[in-house]
Amino acid sequence: MKRAFTLIELLVTIAIIAIVCAILFPVLSSAKRNAWRATCQNDLRQINVAVRLYADEHGDLLTLVSTNHSPDVWTDYRLWIGSYVGLPGPPSPKDKLFACPADSYYWDDVRMTAQGRHQQSKYRYSSYAFNAGNLRADYPFKHQFPGIAGRKLNTIKSPAKTVLVTEWCSLDPYSWHQSLKEHPPQNYGVNNARCVVSFVDGHVNYIPMYWDANTATAHIEAWYYDPPDGYDYKWSGD
């Protein structure tokens, strides 16, 4: 005669499965975030090379922009480098090189949008922004911020520390790659939120971004200023 499980045995089995799932879930989530981060790092390495190849063929000049308004000021570089990454046509949502898989939400004007920037035409279907804050002039901006758009590569004084192309979230900053426990999502900003950043010398790193929580204005973003000593990046080329 076949012996059936008792109710107690079933409850114990369910409890064990629940415990195992609770143990494995953070591990699997961390592994997925690490895989996404690796994809973004590889994307930025290729994009970084393309930006520098463009400069090599244009008098050492880093890309300019068609307007000085957001978001174009951050994304116009995408129009100039497509052919250098085998994507000569207009930006498309099918261009996986410009889509970080962790880019699934963003903050814009203190509202969260549950959609990646790489899914939207106004961001030229890109998760990555060129370091062009120096050209922002839409009201109330008056060319007062750091950045390297329009500079010649050989004029960048610290290429190993100067940002070239970076994840959009680093501008604010917040992080796509940290768990909600490590880094709860919010608008502006999170000091030491970790983001993937590429540099003028070609290397890519996953680093904390500085945000000055003591600023008088609530919506001061990370790209407004170079960080204090102790950080491995800067926005300005001087």
C-alpha atoms as a PDB file:
ATOM      1  CA  MET A   1       0.000   0.000   0.000  1.00  0.00           C
ATOM      2  CA  LYS A   2       1.336   3.414  -0.979  1.00  0.00           C
ATOM      3  CA  ARG A   3       2.018   5.765   1.891  1.00  0.00           C
ATOM      4  CA  ALA A   4       0.907   9.397   1.399  1.00  0.00           C
ATOM      5  CA  PHE A   5       2.617  12.435   2.905  1.00  0.00           C
ATOM      6  CA  THR A   6       1.128  13.647   6.118  1.00  0.00           C
ATOM      7  CA  LEU A   7       0.088  17.281   6.487  1.00  0.00           C
ATOM      8  CA  ILE A   8       3.031  17.920   8.805  1.00  0.00           C
ATOM      9  CA  GLU A   9       5.484  16.433   6.289  1.00  0.00           C
ATOM     10  CA  LEU A  10       4.045  18.608   3.522  1.00  0.00           C
ATOM     11  CA  LEU A  11       4.319  21.713   5.667  1.00  0.00           C
ATOM     12  CA  VAL A  12       7.921  20.888   6.583  1.00  0.00           C
ATOM     13  CA  THR A  13       8.767  20.325   2.911  1.00  0.00           C
ATOM     14  CA  ILE A  14       7.183  23.638   1.907  1.00  0.00           C
ATOM     15  CA  ALA A  15       9.049  25.408   4.703  1.00  0.00           C
ATOM     16  CA  ILE A  16      12.363  23.933   3.553  1.00  0.00           C
ATOM     17  CA  ILE A  17      11.705  24.988  -0.053  1.00  0.00           C
ATOM     18  CA  ALA A  18      10.827  28.505   1.125  1.00  0.00           C
ATOM     19  CA  ILE A  19      14.055  28.725   3.135  1.00  0.00           C
ATOM     20  CA  VAL A  20      16.136  27.499   0.200  1.00  0.00           C
ATOM     21  CA  CYS A  21      14.463  30.056  -2.103  1.00  0.00           C
ATOM     22  CA  ALA A  22      15.080  32.839   0.417  1.00  0.00           C
ATOM     23  CA  ILE A  23      18.757  31.885   0.498  1.00  0.00           C
ATOM     24  CA  LEU A  24      19.143  31.540  -3.269  1.00  0.00           C
ATOM     25  CA  PHE A  25      17.154  34.592  -4.378  1.00  0.00           C
ATOM     26  CA  PRO A  26      19.707  37.234  -3.266  1.00  0.00           C
ATOM     27  CA  VAL A  27      22.497  35.156  -4.792  1.00  0.00           C
ATOM     28  CA  LEU A  28      20.702  34.852  -8.122  1.00  0.00           C
ATOM     29  CA  SER A  29      19.724  38.535  -8.083  1.00  0.00           C
ATOM     30  CA  SER A  30      23.317  39.540  -7.419  1.00  0.00           C
ATOM     31  CA  ALA A  31      24.543  37.284 -10.231  1.00  0.00           C
ATOM     32  CA  LYS A  32      22.035  38.861 -12.625  1.00  0.00           C
ATOM     33  CA  ARG A  33      23.108  42.387 -11.644  1.00  0.00           C
ATOM     34  CA  ASN A  34      26.749  41.425 -12.112  1.00  0.00           C
ATOM     35  CA  ALA A  35      25.988  40.051 -15.581  1.00  0.00           C
ATOM     36  CA  TRP A  36      24.128  43.238 -16.526  1.00  0.00           C
ATOM     37  CA  ARG A  37      27.004  45.349 -15.254  1.00  0.00           C
ATOM     38  CA  ALA A  38      29.487  43.337 -17.305  1.00  0.00           C
ATOM     39  CA  THR A  39      27.357  43.966 -20.408  1.00  0.00           C
ATOM     40  CA  CYS A  40      27.328  47.716 -19.736  1.00  0.00           C
ATOM     41  CA  GLN A  41      31.097  47.720 -19.220  1.00  0.00           C
ATOM     42  CA  ASN A  42      31.634  45.947 -22.541  1.00  0.00           C
ATOM     43  CA  ASP A  43      29.227  48.353 -24.279  1.00  0.00           C
ATOM     44  CA  LEU A  44      31.077  51.382 -22.945  1.00  0.00           C
ATOM     45  CA  ARG A  45      34.480  50.010 -23.975  1.00  0.00           C
ATOM     46  CA  GLN A  46      33.296  49.749 -27.594  1.00  0.00           C
ATOM     47  CA  ILE A  47      31.557  53.129 -27.535  1.00  0.00           C
ATOM     48  CA  ASN A  48      34.610  54.743 -25.971  1.00  0.00           C
ATOM     49  CA  VAL A  49      36.831  53.412 -28.769  1.00  0.00           C
ATOM     50  CA  ALA A  50      34.370  54.727 -31.370  1.00  0.00           C
ATOM     51  CA  VAL A  51      34.363  58.240 -29.859  1.00  0.00           C
ATOM     52  CA  ARG A  52      38.165  58.312 -29.886  1.00  0.00           C
ATOM     53  CA  LEU A  53      38.301  56.971 -33.458  1.00  0.00           C
ATOM     54  CA  TYR A  54      35.966  59.784 -34.478  1.00  0.00           C
ATOM     55  CA  ALA A  55      38.352  62.265 -32.856  1.00  0.00           C
ATOM     56  CA  ASP A  56      41.330  60.685 -34.635  1.00  0.00           C
ATOM     57  CA  GLU A  57      39.671  61.323 -37.986  1.00  0.00           C
ATOM     58  CA  HIS A  58      38.419  64.834 -37.150  1.00  0.00           C
ATOM     59  CA  GLY A  59      41.472  66.752 -36.069  1.00  0.00           C
ATOM     60  CA  ASP A  60      41.559  65.215 -32.580  1.00  0.00           C
ATOM     61  CA  LEU A  61      38.224  66.937 -31.853  1.00  0.00           C
ATOM     62  CA  LEU A  62      35.685  65.364 -29.524  1.00  0.00           C
ATOM     63  CA  THR A  63      32.108  65.439 -30.758  1.00  0.00           C
ATOM     64  CA  LEU A  64      30.010  68.586 -30.666  1.00  0.00           C
ATOM     65  CA  VAL A  65      26.222  68.781 -30.383  1.00  0.00           C
ATOM     66  CA  SER A  66      23.437  69.950 -32.688  1.00  0.00           C
ATOM     67  CA  THR A  67      21.755  71.869 -29.855  1.00  0.00           C
ATOM     68  CA  ASN A  68      22.742  72.892 -26.343  1.00  0.00           C
ATOM     69  CA  HIS A  69      19.515  71.625 -24.744  1.00  0.00           C
ATOM     70  CA  SER A  70      18.851  68.448 -22.798  1.00  0.00           C
ATOM     71  CA  PRO A  71      18.722  65.610 -23.652  1.00  0.00           C
ATOM     72  CA  ASP A  72      20.359  66.179 -27.056  1.00  0.00           C
ATOM     73  CA  VAL A  73      23.500  67.649 -25.511  1.00  0.00           C
ATOM     74  CA  TRP A  74      24.187  64.260 -23.918  1.00  0.00           C
ATOM     75  CA  THR A  75      23.144  62.053 -26.847  1.00  0.00           C
ATOM     76  CA  ASP A  76      24.161  63.826 -30.085  1.00  0.00           C
ATOM     77  CA  TYR A  77      27.498  61.965 -30.026  1.00  0.00           C
ATOM     78  CA  ARG A  78      25.452  58.908 -31.003  1.00  0.00           C
ATOM     79  CA  LEU A  79      24.783  60.487 -34.413  1.00  0.00           C
ATOM     80  CA  TRP A  80      28.486  60.911 -35.183  1.00  0.00           C
ATOM     81  CA  ILE A  81      29.908  57.566 -34.078  1.00  0.00           C
ATOM     82  CA  GLY A  82      27.395  55.078 -35.483  1.00  0.00           C
ATOM     83  CA  SER A  83      29.552  54.098 -38.440  1.00  0.00           C
ATOM     84  CA  TYR A  84      32.478  53.411 -36.102  1.00  0.00           C
ATOM     85  CA  VAL A  85      30.528  50.657 -34.346  1.00  0.00           C
ATOM     86  CA  GLY A  86      28.911  49.180 -37.460  1.00  0.00           C
ATOM     87  CA  LEU A  87      25.619  51.085 -37.030  1.00  0.00           C
ATOM     88  CA  PRO A  88      25.657  53.724 -39.794  1.00  0.00           C
ATOM     89  CA  GLY A  89      21.901  54.331 -39.841  1.00  0.00           C
ATOM     90  CA  PRO A  90      19.844  56.506 -37.497  1.00  0.00           C
ATOM     91  CA  PRO A  91      19.627  55.392 -33.850  1.00  0.00           C
ATOM     92  CA  SER A  92      17.271  52.467 -33.359  1.00  0.00           C
ATOM     93  CA  PRO A  93      15.837  50.554 -30.385  1.00  0.00           C
ATOM     94  CA  LYS A  94      17.411  47.474 -32.007  1.00  0.00           C
ATOM     95  CA  ASP A  95      20.918  48.846 -31.388  1.00  0.00           C
ATOM     96  CA  LYS A  96      21.766  46.621 -28.422  1.00  0.00           C
ATOM     97  CA  LEU A  97      25.222  48.167 -28.017  1.00  0.00           C
ATOM     98  CA  PHE A  98      23.602  51.304 -26.598  1.00  0.00           C
ATOM     99  CA  ALA A  99      21.157  49.458 -24.313  1.00  0.00           C
ATOM    100  CA  CYS A 100      22.342  48.616 -20.817  1.00  0.00           C
ATOM    101  CA  PRO A 101      20.087  45.741 -19.640  1.00  0.00           C
ATOM    102  CA  ALA A 102      19.958  47.293 -16.152  1.00  0.00           C
ATOM    103  CA  ASP A 103      18.472  50.514 -17.597  1.00  0.00           C
ATOM    104  CA  SER A 104      14.822  49.816 -16.757  1.00  0.00           C
ATOM    105  CA  TYR A 105      13.776  53.082 -15.056  1.00  0.00           C
ATOM    106  CA  TYR A 106      14.931  56.663 -14.702  1.00  0.00           C
ATOM    107  CA  TRP A 107      14.195  59.875 -12.827  1.00  0.00           C
ATOM    108  CA  ASP A 108      13.360  62.999 -14.802  1.00  0.00           C
ATOM    109  CA  ASP A 109      12.057  66.213 -13.235  1.00  0.00           C
ATOM    110  CA  VAL A 110      11.412  64.373  -9.934  1.00  0.00           C
ATOM    111  CA  ARG A 111       9.190  61.771 -11.598  1.00  0.00           C
ATOM    112  CA  MET A 112      10.188  58.153 -12.032  1.00  0.00           C
ATOM    113  CA  THR A 113       9.536  56.600 -15.432  1.00  0.00           C
ATOM    114  CA  ALA A 114       9.355  52.798 -15.453  1.00  0.00           C
ATOM    115  CA  GLN A 115      11.055  52.541 -18.831  1.00  0.00           C
ATOM    116  CA  GLY A 116      14.662  52.521 -19.936  1.00  0.00           C
ATOM    117  CA  ARG A 117      16.112  55.538 -21.697  1.00  0.00           C
ATOM    118  CA  HIS A 118      17.384  53.173 -24.378  1.00  0.00           C
ATOM    119  CA  GLN A 119      13.746  52.465 -25.257  1.00  0.00           C
ATOM    120  CA  GLN A 120      12.950  56.078 -26.132  1.00  0.00           C
ATOM    121  CA  SER A 121      13.691  58.068 -29.262  1.00  0.00           C
ATOM    122  CA  LYS A 122      14.236  61.341 -27.396  1.00  0.00           C
ATOM    123  CA  TYR A 123      17.300  59.763 -25.780  1.00  0.00           C
ATOM    124  CA  ARG A 124      18.408  58.370 -29.153  1.00  0.00           C
ATOM    125  CA  TYR A 125      17.773  54.881 -27.771  1.00  0.00           C
ATOM    126  CA  SER A 126      20.860  55.075 -25.588  1.00  0.00           C
ATOM    127  CA  SER A 127      21.621  54.242 -21.961  1.00  0.00           C
ATOM    128  CA  TYR A 128      24.869  56.190 -22.216  1.00  0.00           C
ATOM    129  CA  ALA A 129      25.623  59.903 -22.121  1.00  0.00           C
ATOM    130  CA  PHE A 130      28.586  61.843 -23.485  1.00  0.00           C
ATOM    131  CA  ASN A 131      30.327  64.186 -21.030  1.00  0.00           C
ATOM    132  CA  ALA A 132      28.973  67.388 -22.560  1.00  0.00           C
ATOM    133  CA  GLY A 133      27.705  69.395 -19.592  1.00  0.00           C
ATOM    134  CA  ASN A 134      29.941  72.298 -20.612  1.00  0.00           C
ATOM    135  CA  LEU A 135      27.585  72.991 -23.524  1.00  0.00           C
ATOM    136  CA  ARG A 136      24.317  73.052 -21.569  1.00  0.00           C
ATOM    137  CA  ALA A 137      22.755  76.475 -22.136  1.00  0.00           C
ATOM    138  CA  ASP A 138      19.016  75.900 -21.912  1.00  0.00           C
ATOM    139  CA  TYR A 139      17.447  78.012 -19.192  1.00  0.00           C
ATOM    140  CA  PRO A 140      18.665  78.470 -16.487  1.00  0.00           C
ATOM    141  CA  PHE A 141      22.049  77.049 -17.556  1.00  0.00           C
ATOM    142  CA  LYS A 142      24.726  79.528 -18.691  1.00  0.00           C
ATOM    143  CA  HIS A 143      27.777  77.479 -19.800  1.00  0.00           C
ATOM    144  CA  GLN A 144      28.966  77.261 -16.214  1.00  0.00           C
ATOM    145  CA  PHE A 145      29.488  73.531 -15.842  1.00  0.00           C
ATOM    146  CA  PRO A 146      32.371  71.118 -16.485  1.00  0.00           C
ATOM    147  CA  GLY A 147      32.498  68.859 -19.544  1.00  0.00           C
ATOM    148  CA  ILE A 148      34.651  68.094 -22.583  1.00  0.00           C
ATOM    149  CA  ALA A 149      32.425  68.464 -25.670  1.00  0.00           C
ATOM    150  CA  GLY A 150      34.269  70.313 -28.434  1.00  0.00           C
ATOM    151  CA  ARG A 151      37.649  69.832 -26.741  1.00  0.00           C
ATOM    152  CA  LYS A 152      40.629  68.258 -28.459  1.00  0.00           C
ATOM    153  CA  LEU A 153      41.717  64.960 -26.967  1.00  0.00           C
ATOM    154  CA  ASN A 154      45.292  66.149 -26.500  1.00  0.00           C
ATOM    155  CA  THR A 155      44.084  69.054 -24.329  1.00  0.00           C
ATOM    156  CA  ILE A 156      42.588  66.784 -21.652  1.00  0.00           C
ATOM    157  CA  LYS A 157      45.013  67.090 -18.745  1.00  0.00           C
ATOM    158  CA  SER A 158      44.039  63.948 -16.835  1.00  0.00           C
ATOM    159  CA  PRO A 159      42.724  61.420 -19.390  1.00  0.00           C
ATOM    160  CA  ALA A 160      42.736  58.572 -16.852  1.00  0.00           C
ATOM    161  CA  LYS A 161      40.326  60.485 -14.584  1.00  0.00           C
ATOM    162  CA  THR A 162      38.216  62.471 -17.058  1.00  0.00           C
ATOM    163  CA  VAL A 163      34.816  61.025 -17.980  1.00  0.00           C
ATOM    164  CA  LEU A 164      34.213  60.408 -21.686  1.00  0.00           C
ATOM    165  CA  VAL A 165      30.948  58.428 -21.949  1.00  0.00           C
ATOM    166  CA  THR A 166      29.006  57.191 -18.936  1.00  0.00           C
ATOM    167  CA  GLU A 167      25.741  55.657 -17.835  1.00  0.00           C
ATOM    168  CA  TRP A 168      22.901  58.181 -17.691  1.00  0.00           C
ATOM    169  CA  CYS A 169      22.263  57.388 -14.030  1.00  0.00           C
ATOM    170  CA  SER A 170      25.722  58.687 -13.068  1.00  0.00           C
ATOM    171  CA  LEU A 171      24.684  62.233 -13.977  1.00  0.00           C
ATOM    172  CA  ASP A 172      22.083  62.479 -11.217  1.00  0.00           C
ATOM    173  CA  PRO A 173      23.387  60.182  -9.561  1.00  0.00           C
ATOM    174  CA  TYR A 174      21.623  56.939  -8.729  1.00  0.00           C
ATOM    175  CA  SER A 175      22.531  53.346  -9.594  1.00  0.00           C
ATOM    176  CA  TRP A 176      20.980  50.708 -11.830  1.00  0.00           C
ATOM    177  CA  HIS A 177      23.330  48.054 -10.454  1.00  0.00           C
ATOM    178  CA  GLN A 178      22.855  48.121  -6.691  1.00  0.00           C
ATOM    179  CA  SER A 179      20.036  46.313  -4.934  1.00  0.00           C
ATOM    180  CA  LEU A 180      17.164  48.282  -3.466  1.00  0.00           C
ATOM    181  CA  LYS A 181      18.481  47.445   0.004  1.00  0.00           C
ATOM    182  CA  GLU A 182      21.905  48.877  -0.873  1.00  0.00           C
ATOM    183  CA  HIS A 183      20.547  51.799  -2.818  1.00  0.00           C
ATOM    184  CA  PRO A 184      16.839  52.715  -2.664  1.00  0.00           C
ATOM    185  CA  PRO A 185      15.668  54.455  -5.871  1.00  0.00           C
ATOM    186  CA  GLN A 186      14.886  58.131  -5.563  1.00  0.00           C
ATOM    187  CA  ASN A 187      15.140  61.229  -7.701  1.00  0.00           C
ATOM    188  CA  TYR A 188      18.170  63.385  -6.864  1.00  0.00           C
ATOM    189  CA  GLY A 189      20.474  62.026  -5.693  1.00  0.00           C
ATOM    190  CA  VAL A 190      22.383  59.327  -3.845  1.00  0.00           C
ATOM    191  CA  ASN A 191      25.915  60.015  -2.684  1.00  0.00           C
ATOM    192  CA  ASN A 192      28.316  57.219  -3.700  1.00  0.00           C
ATOM    193  CA  ALA A 193      25.823  55.524  -6.008  1.00  0.00           C
ATOM    194  CA  ARG A 194      27.961  53.175  -8.099  1.00  0.00           C
ATOM    195  CA  CYS A 195      27.853  53.496 -11.893  1.00  0.00           C
ATOM    196  CA  VAL A 196      29.800  52.289 -14.920  1.00  0.00           C
ATOM    197  CA  VAL A 197      31.950  55.057 -16.398  1.00  0.00           C
ATOM    198  CA  SER A 198      34.387  55.190 -19.333  1.00  0.00           C
ATOM    199  CA  PHE A 199      37.345  57.554 -19.434  1.00  0.00           C
ATOM    200  CA  VAL A 200      39.269  59.534 -22.019  1.00  0.00           C
ATOM    201  CA  ASP A 201      42.247  57.149 -21.813  1.00  0.00           C
ATOM    202  CA  GLY A 202      39.960  54.243 -22.805  1.00  0.00           C
ATOM    203  CA  HIS A 203      39.491  52.329 -19.566  1.00  0.00           C
ATOM    204  CA  VAL A 204      36.125  51.578 -17.979  1.00  0.00           C
ATOM    205  CA  ASN A 205      35.390  51.319 -14.263  1.00  0.00           C
ATOM    206  CA  TYR A 206      32.522  50.770 -11.836  1.00  0.00           C
ATOM    207  CA  ILE A 207      32.858  53.606  -9.358  1.00  0.00           C
ATOM    208  CA  PRO A 208      30.983  55.658  -6.732  1.00  0.00           C
ATOM    209  CA  MET A 209      29.685  59.026  -7.891  1.00  0.00           C
ATOM    210  CA  TYR A 210      29.769  62.081  -5.650  1.00  0.00           C
ATOM    211  CA  TRP A 211      26.586  63.982  -4.820  1.00  0.00           C
ATOM    212  CA  ASP A 212      26.652  66.994  -2.529  1.00  0.00           C
ATOM    213  CA  ALA A 213      23.630  66.545  -0.294  1.00  0.00           C
ATOM    214  CA  ASN A 214      24.314  69.888   1.387  1.00  0.00           C
ATOM    215  CA  THR A 215      23.640  72.016  -1.689  1.00  0.00           C
ATOM    216  CA  ALA A 216      20.975  74.672  -1.314  1.00  0.00           C
ATOM    217  CA  THR A 217      19.016  73.549  -4.381  1.00  0.00           C
ATOM    218  CA  ALA A 218      17.219  70.219  -4.186  1.00  0.00           C
ATOM    219  CA  HIS A 219      17.894  69.215  -7.790  1.00  0.00           C
ATOM    220  CA  ILE A 220      21.649  69.736  -7.999  1.00  0.00           C
ATOM    221  CA  GLU A 221      23.023  66.850 -10.055  1.00  0.00           C
ATOM    222  CA  ALA A 222      26.395  65.105 -10.008  1.00  0.00           C
ATOM    223  CA  TRP A 223      27.608  66.505 -13.331  1.00  0.00           C
ATOM    224  CA  TYR A 224      27.361  70.111 -12.037  1.00  0.00           C
ATOM    225  CA  TYR A 225      30.763  69.897 -10.312  1.00  0.00           C
ATOM    226  CA  ASP A 226      33.946  67.870 -10.059  1.00  0.00           C
ATOM    227  CA  PRO A 227      34.046  65.646  -6.958  1.00  0.00           C
ATOM    228  CA  PRO A 228      36.323  66.291  -3.971  1.00  0.00           C
ATOM    229  CA  ASP A 229      39.621  64.461  -3.484  1.00  0.00           C
ATOM    230  CA  GLY A 230      39.294  60.729  -3.046  1.00  0.00           C
ATOM    231  CA  TYR A 231      37.116  60.037  -6.097  1.00  0.00           C
ATOM    232  CA  ASP A 232      38.435  58.383  -9.256  1.00  0.00           C
ATOM    233  CA  TYR A 233      36.829  60.647 -11.823  1.00  0.00           C
ATOM    234  CA  LYS A 234      36.179  64.245 -12.847  1.00  0.00           C
ATOM    235  CA  TRP A 235      33.971  65.905 -15.443  1.00  0.00           C
ATOM    236  CA  SER A 236      36.276  68.747 -16.486  1.00  0.00           C
ATOM    237  CA  GLY A 237      39.214  68.342 -18.853  1.00  0.00           C
ATOM    238  CA  ASP A 238      41.393  70.893 -17.037  1.00  0.00           C
END
